[in-house]
Amino acid sequence: MKQKEILSNIFSRTQVTALNPMQQQMAAIPLTGTFVLLAPTGSGKTLAFTIPALEKIDPDLPQVQVLCLAPTRELAVQISGEVDKLSL
């Protein structure tokens, strides 16, 4: 997906009206290799790492292209729901 499409989905499918500084910085970096994003609960981390991740995914490739690790099943389900909302 192109960043413009991702941002359009964010603004139309969520209650977010503008990216916060952390999200803007993450959207501007190329996603290569491994990175860790540490920030307080409710700071917008999911959107921050989802933007560059969705840019890298090729829907025509059947293999796993991005792996996101979460410490609990509940958080993994929450992240999955947000990614689905932004990518469909």
N, C-alpha and C. Protein backbone atom coordinates (compact mmCIF):
# COMPACT_ATOMS: atom_id res chain seq x y z
N MET A 1 0.84 -1.19 0.00
CA MET A 1 0.00 0.00 0.00
C MET A 1 0.88 1.25 0.00
N LYS A 2 0.40 2.26 -0.61
CA LYS A 2 1.09 3.55 -0.60
C LYS A 2 0.74 4.30 0.67
N GLN A 3 1.68 5.11 1.17
CA GLN A 3 1.45 5.83 2.41
C GLN A 3 0.21 6.73 2.33
N LYS A 4 -0.03 7.33 1.19
CA LYS A 4 -1.20 8.20 1.03
C LYS A 4 -2.49 7.41 1.28
N GLU A 5 -2.56 6.19 0.76
CA GLU A 5 -3.73 5.34 0.97
C GLU A 5 -3.85 4.90 2.43
N ILE A 6 -2.73 4.58 3.04
CA ILE A 6 -2.73 4.18 4.45
C ILE A 6 -3.23 5.32 5.32
N LEU A 7 -2.70 6.52 5.09
CA LEU A 7 -3.12 7.69 5.88
C LEU A 7 -4.60 8.00 5.64
N SER A 8 -5.06 7.86 4.42
CA SER A 8 -6.48 8.07 4.13
C SER A 8 -7.34 7.09 4.92
N ASN A 9 -6.91 5.83 4.97
CA ASN A 9 -7.63 4.82 5.75
C ASN A 9 -7.64 5.16 7.24
N ILE A 10 -6.49 5.62 7.74
CA ILE A 10 -6.42 5.99 9.16
C ILE A 10 -7.43 7.10 9.48
N PHE A 11 -7.43 8.14 8.67
CA PHE A 11 -8.29 9.29 8.95
C PHE A 11 -9.77 9.00 8.71
N SER A 12 -10.07 8.09 7.81
CA SER A 12 -11.48 7.80 7.53
C SER A 12 -12.04 6.65 8.37
N ARG A 13 -11.18 5.77 8.86
CA ARG A 13 -11.65 4.56 9.56
C ARG A 13 -11.39 4.57 11.06
N THR A 14 -10.73 5.61 11.55
CA THR A 14 -10.47 5.72 12.99
C THR A 14 -10.88 7.12 13.44
N GLN A 15 -10.70 7.38 14.70
CA GLN A 15 -11.01 8.71 15.23
C GLN A 15 -9.78 9.61 15.21
N VAL A 16 -8.71 9.16 14.59
CA VAL A 16 -7.49 9.94 14.48
C VAL A 16 -7.68 11.02 13.42
N THR A 17 -7.35 12.26 13.76
CA THR A 17 -7.48 13.36 12.81
C THR A 17 -6.12 13.88 12.35
N ALA A 18 -5.06 13.53 13.07
CA ALA A 18 -3.70 13.92 12.69
C ALA A 18 -2.72 12.96 13.38
N LEU A 19 -1.60 12.72 12.74
CA LEU A 19 -0.58 11.87 13.35
C LEU A 19 0.16 12.66 14.43
N ASN A 20 0.49 11.98 15.52
CA ASN A 20 1.29 12.63 16.55
C ASN A 20 2.77 12.60 16.12
N PRO A 21 3.66 13.31 16.81
CA PRO A 21 5.07 13.37 16.39
C PRO A 21 5.74 12.00 16.24
N MET A 22 5.47 11.07 17.15
CA MET A 22 6.07 9.74 17.05
C MET A 22 5.60 9.04 15.78
N GLN A 23 4.31 9.12 15.48
CA GLN A 23 3.76 8.48 14.29
C GLN A 23 4.33 9.13 13.02
N GLN A 24 4.49 10.44 13.03
CA GLN A 24 5.07 11.13 11.88
C GLN A 24 6.51 10.67 11.64
N GLN A 25 7.27 10.53 12.71
CA GLN A 25 8.66 10.09 12.58
C GLN A 25 8.74 8.66 12.04
N MET A 26 7.89 7.77 12.55
CA MET A 26 7.89 6.39 12.08
C MET A 26 7.45 6.30 10.62
N ALA A 27 6.49 7.12 10.22
CA ALA A 27 6.01 7.10 8.84
C ALA A 27 7.09 7.57 7.88
N ALA A 28 8.04 8.34 8.38
CA ALA A 28 9.08 8.91 7.51
C ALA A 28 10.29 8.00 7.34
N ILE A 29 10.43 6.98 8.18
CA ILE A 29 11.62 6.13 8.07
C ILE A 29 11.33 4.90 7.20
N PRO A 30 12.33 4.44 6.46
CA PRO A 30 12.14 3.20 5.71
C PRO A 30 12.22 2.01 6.66
N LEU A 31 11.29 1.09 6.53
CA LEU A 31 11.27 -0.08 7.40
C LEU A 31 12.20 -1.14 6.83
N THR A 32 13.34 -1.29 7.44
CA THR A 32 14.29 -2.32 7.04
C THR A 32 14.81 -3.02 8.28
N GLY A 33 14.91 -4.31 8.22
CA GLY A 33 15.44 -5.05 9.35
C GLY A 33 14.48 -5.08 10.52
N THR A 34 15.04 -5.02 11.71
CA THR A 34 14.29 -5.13 12.95
C THR A 34 14.35 -3.80 13.70
N PHE A 35 13.25 -3.43 14.32
CA PHE A 35 13.27 -2.26 15.18
C PHE A 35 12.35 -2.49 16.36
N VAL A 36 12.59 -1.76 17.44
CA VAL A 36 11.79 -1.84 18.65
C VAL A 36 11.24 -0.45 18.92
N LEU A 37 9.96 -0.39 19.22
CA LEU A 37 9.31 0.88 19.51
C LEU A 37 8.78 0.81 20.94
N LEU A 38 9.32 1.63 21.81
CA LEU A 38 8.90 1.67 23.21
C LEU A 38 8.25 3.02 23.49
N ALA A 39 7.03 2.98 23.99
CA ALA A 39 6.30 4.21 24.33
C ALA A 39 5.19 3.83 25.29
N PRO A 40 4.66 4.78 26.03
CA PRO A 40 3.60 4.49 27.00
C PRO A 40 2.32 3.99 26.33
N THR A 41 1.51 3.31 27.12
CA THR A 41 0.19 2.86 26.68
C THR A 41 -0.63 4.05 26.23
N GLY A 42 -1.31 3.89 25.09
CA GLY A 42 -2.16 4.96 24.59
C GLY A 42 -1.44 6.03 23.80
N SER A 43 -0.16 5.81 23.49
CA SER A 43 0.62 6.83 22.79
C SER A 43 0.52 6.74 21.27
N GLY A 44 -0.11 5.69 20.75
CA GLY A 44 -0.27 5.56 19.30
C GLY A 44 0.77 4.67 18.64
N LYS A 45 1.36 3.76 19.42
CA LYS A 45 2.40 2.87 18.88
C LYS A 45 1.89 2.02 17.72
N THR A 46 0.66 1.49 17.84
CA THR A 46 0.15 0.60 16.80
C THR A 46 0.13 1.30 15.45
N LEU A 47 -0.40 2.50 15.40
CA LEU A 47 -0.38 3.25 14.14
C LEU A 47 1.05 3.56 13.72
N ALA A 48 1.90 3.87 14.68
CA ALA A 48 3.28 4.25 14.36
C ALA A 48 4.01 3.13 13.63
N PHE A 49 3.87 1.88 14.08
CA PHE A 49 4.59 0.81 13.38
C PHE A 49 3.79 0.21 12.24
N THR A 50 2.48 0.43 12.22
CA THR A 50 1.66 -0.11 11.14
C THR A 50 1.89 0.62 9.82
N ILE A 51 2.08 1.92 9.87
CA ILE A 51 2.25 2.70 8.63
C ILE A 51 3.43 2.17 7.80
N PRO A 52 4.65 2.11 8.34
CA PRO A 52 5.76 1.60 7.51
C PRO A 52 5.62 0.11 7.20
N ALA A 53 5.00 -0.66 8.08
CA ALA A 53 4.83 -2.09 7.82
C ALA A 53 3.89 -2.32 6.64
N LEU A 54 2.77 -1.62 6.60
CA LEU A 54 1.83 -1.78 5.49
C LEU A 54 2.42 -1.33 4.17
N GLU A 55 3.31 -0.36 4.22
CA GLU A 55 3.98 0.09 2.99
C GLU A 55 4.83 -1.01 2.37
N LYS A 56 5.37 -1.88 3.21
CA LYS A 56 6.27 -2.93 2.74
C LYS A 56 5.55 -4.19 2.25
N ILE A 57 4.33 -4.39 2.65
CA ILE A 57 3.63 -5.64 2.33
C ILE A 57 3.19 -5.65 0.87
N ASP A 58 3.50 -6.75 0.18
CA ASP A 58 3.05 -6.96 -1.19
C ASP A 58 1.91 -7.97 -1.14
N PRO A 59 0.66 -7.55 -1.40
CA PRO A 59 -0.47 -8.47 -1.28
C PRO A 59 -0.43 -9.63 -2.26
N ASP A 60 0.42 -9.55 -3.27
CA ASP A 60 0.54 -10.64 -4.24
C ASP A 60 1.49 -11.75 -3.79
N LEU A 61 2.23 -11.51 -2.73
CA LEU A 61 3.14 -12.53 -2.21
C LEU A 61 2.46 -13.30 -1.09
N PRO A 62 2.44 -14.64 -1.19
CA PRO A 62 1.70 -15.43 -0.21
C PRO A 62 2.43 -15.68 1.11
N GLN A 63 3.69 -15.33 1.23
CA GLN A 63 4.43 -15.65 2.44
C GLN A 63 4.31 -14.53 3.50
N VAL A 64 4.73 -14.86 4.71
CA VAL A 64 4.76 -13.88 5.79
C VAL A 64 5.77 -12.80 5.43
N GLN A 65 5.35 -11.55 5.55
CA GLN A 65 6.22 -10.45 5.17
C GLN A 65 6.55 -9.53 6.34
N VAL A 66 5.70 -9.52 7.35
CA VAL A 66 5.92 -8.70 8.54
C VAL A 66 5.54 -9.53 9.75
N LEU A 67 6.35 -9.45 10.79
CA LEU A 67 6.06 -10.15 12.04
C LEU A 67 6.05 -9.13 13.17
N CYS A 68 4.96 -9.08 13.89
CA CYS A 68 4.83 -8.20 15.04
C CYS A 68 4.66 -9.07 16.28
N LEU A 69 5.54 -8.93 17.24
CA LEU A 69 5.44 -9.70 18.47
C LEU A 69 4.75 -8.87 19.54
N ALA A 70 3.84 -9.50 20.26
CA ALA A 70 3.13 -8.82 21.35
C ALA A 70 3.23 -9.70 22.60
N PRO A 71 3.28 -9.10 23.77
CA PRO A 71 3.47 -9.88 25.00
C PRO A 71 2.25 -10.67 25.45
N THR A 72 1.07 -10.36 24.94
CA THR A 72 -0.13 -11.09 25.34
C THR A 72 -1.01 -11.36 24.13
N ARG A 73 -1.84 -12.39 24.23
CA ARG A 73 -2.76 -12.71 23.15
C ARG A 73 -3.75 -11.56 22.95
N GLU A 74 -4.21 -10.98 24.03
CA GLU A 74 -5.16 -9.86 23.96
C GLU A 74 -4.59 -8.70 23.15
N LEU A 75 -3.34 -8.36 23.39
CA LEU A 75 -2.72 -7.27 22.64
C LEU A 75 -2.52 -7.67 21.17
N ALA A 76 -2.15 -8.91 20.92
CA ALA A 76 -1.97 -9.38 19.54
C ALA A 76 -3.29 -9.30 18.77
N VAL A 77 -4.39 -9.67 19.39
CA VAL A 77 -5.71 -9.59 18.76
C VAL A 77 -6.07 -8.13 18.49
N GLN A 78 -5.78 -7.25 19.44
CA GLN A 78 -6.05 -5.82 19.28
C GLN A 78 -5.25 -5.25 18.11
N ILE A 79 -3.96 -5.57 18.03
CA ILE A 79 -3.11 -5.09 16.95
C ILE A 79 -3.62 -5.62 15.61
N SER A 80 -3.96 -6.89 15.57
CA SER A 80 -4.47 -7.50 14.34
C SER A 80 -5.73 -6.79 13.85
N GLY A 81 -6.61 -6.46 14.77
CA GLY A 81 -7.84 -5.75 14.41
C GLY A 81 -7.56 -4.39 13.82
N GLU A 82 -6.61 -3.67 14.40
CA GLU A 82 -6.25 -2.35 13.89
C GLU A 82 -5.61 -2.45 12.51
N VAL A 83 -4.75 -3.42 12.32
CA VAL A 83 -4.09 -3.60 11.02
C VAL A 83 -5.14 -3.96 9.97
N ASP A 84 -6.06 -4.86 10.31
CA ASP A 84 -7.13 -5.22 9.37
C ASP A 84 -7.96 -4.00 8.98
N LYS A 85 -8.28 -3.18 9.96
CA LYS A 85 -9.10 -1.98 9.72
C LYS A 85 -8.40 -1.03 8.74
N LEU A 86 -7.09 -0.93 8.84
CA LEU A 86 -6.36 0.02 8.01
C LEU A 86 -5.98 -0.52 6.64
N SER A 87 -5.96 -1.84 6.51
CA SER A 87 -5.43 -2.42 5.27
C SER A 87 -6.51 -2.91 4.31
N LEU A 88 -7.72 -3.09 4.76
CA LEU A 88 -8.76 -3.64 3.88
C LEU A 88 -9.43 -2.56 3.07
